[in-house]
Amino acid sequence: MSSEKKRPLSFCIELNSRDHIKRVSLPEGSGDRLVIEGILGELEAMKLIEDIMLEIRGAHGVLRLGMTREELEKTLRRRR
């Protein structure tokens, strides 16, 4: 097991309209599961911004993950 400390994966979701939100489930307690579900639309682009953020752009919005190129490549290698 590696001794390097893993940083938490951050994210941001931007949608062009509330019409593209399918479901938001906000729990009452802090231990309950939060669900955000929506429609990004047809894939327009996917890129790494400054090697620190993966951006997935759809016709209806953008999903950004705070993930470095190294973390992305390592994750993809693990999945093969």
Protein backbone atom coordinates (compact mmCIF):
# COMPACT_ATOMS: atom_id res chain seq x y z
CA MET A 1 0.00 0.00 0.00
CA SER A 2 1.30 3.45 -0.93
CA SER A 3 2.15 5.94 1.79
CA GLU A 4 1.26 8.94 -0.40
CA LYS A 5 -1.78 10.84 0.81
CA LYS A 6 -4.67 10.88 -1.66
CA ARG A 7 -6.48 14.16 -2.11
CA PRO A 8 -10.26 14.22 -2.41
CA LEU A 9 -11.76 14.44 -5.91
CA SER A 10 -13.61 17.73 -6.37
CA PHE A 11 -16.36 18.41 -8.90
CA CYS A 12 -18.53 21.15 -10.33
CA ILE A 13 -21.68 20.79 -12.38
CA GLU A 14 -23.08 23.67 -14.44
CA LEU A 15 -26.32 23.25 -16.36
CA ASN A 16 -27.76 25.78 -18.80
CA SER A 17 -31.29 25.42 -17.42
CA ARG A 18 -33.25 23.81 -14.60
CA ASP A 19 -35.01 21.86 -17.34
CA HIS A 20 -31.90 19.65 -17.57
CA ILE A 21 -32.06 18.57 -13.91
CA LYS A 22 -33.73 15.19 -13.57
CA ARG A 23 -33.44 14.80 -9.80
CA VAL A 24 -31.86 16.36 -6.73
CA SER A 25 -32.22 14.41 -3.52
CA LEU A 26 -31.14 16.31 -0.40
CA PRO A 27 -30.98 14.13 2.70
CA GLU A 28 -32.03 15.22 6.16
CA GLY A 29 -28.98 13.80 7.93
CA SER A 30 -25.29 14.25 7.16
CA GLY A 31 -24.75 10.50 6.68
CA ASP A 32 -27.49 10.13 4.07
CA ARG A 33 -26.76 9.87 0.35
CA LEU A 34 -27.04 12.99 -1.81
CA VAL A 35 -28.05 12.47 -5.45
CA ILE A 36 -27.72 15.00 -8.28
CA GLU A 37 -28.94 13.70 -11.62
CA GLY A 38 -29.29 15.60 -14.86
CA ILE A 39 -28.67 15.72 -18.58
CA LEU A 40 -25.47 17.18 -20.05
CA GLY A 41 -26.78 16.55 -23.56
CA GLU A 42 -24.78 15.46 -26.57
CA LEU A 43 -21.04 15.33 -25.91
CA GLU A 44 -19.32 18.38 -27.38
CA ALA A 45 -15.84 18.20 -25.90
CA MET A 46 -13.69 16.55 -23.27
CA LYS A 47 -10.36 18.04 -22.25
CA LEU A 48 -7.89 18.57 -19.46
CA ILE A 49 -7.57 22.17 -18.35
CA GLU A 50 -4.01 23.05 -17.31
CA ASP A 51 -3.47 19.35 -16.45
CA ILE A 52 -5.45 19.76 -13.22
CA MET A 53 -9.11 19.54 -14.23
CA LEU A 54 -11.04 17.21 -16.51
CA GLU A 55 -13.84 19.07 -18.27
CA ILE A 56 -16.69 17.21 -19.96
CA ARG A 57 -18.80 19.63 -21.99
CA GLY A 58 -22.24 18.72 -23.29
CA ALA A 59 -24.90 20.64 -25.17
CA HIS A 60 -26.74 21.40 -21.89
CA GLY A 61 -23.90 21.91 -19.44
CA VAL A 62 -20.44 21.14 -18.11
CA LEU A 63 -19.07 18.65 -15.60
CA ARG A 64 -15.64 19.44 -14.15
CA LEU A 65 -13.58 17.05 -12.05
CA GLY A 66 -10.53 18.23 -10.12
CA MET A 67 -8.26 15.53 -11.48
CA THR A 68 -4.69 15.73 -12.75
CA ARG A 69 -3.49 14.10 -15.97
CA GLU A 70 -1.50 11.62 -13.87
CA GLU A 71 -4.56 10.66 -11.79
CA LEU A 72 -6.67 10.22 -14.93
CA GLU A 73 -4.06 8.06 -16.67
CA LYS A 74 -3.53 5.96 -13.55
CA THR A 75 -7.27 5.38 -13.21
CA LEU A 76 -7.66 4.45 -16.87
CA ARG A 77 -4.72 1.99 -16.69
CA ARG A 78 -6.28 0.34 -13.64
CA ARG A 79 -9.57 -0.21 -15.51
CA ARG A 80 -7.98 -2.12 -18.43
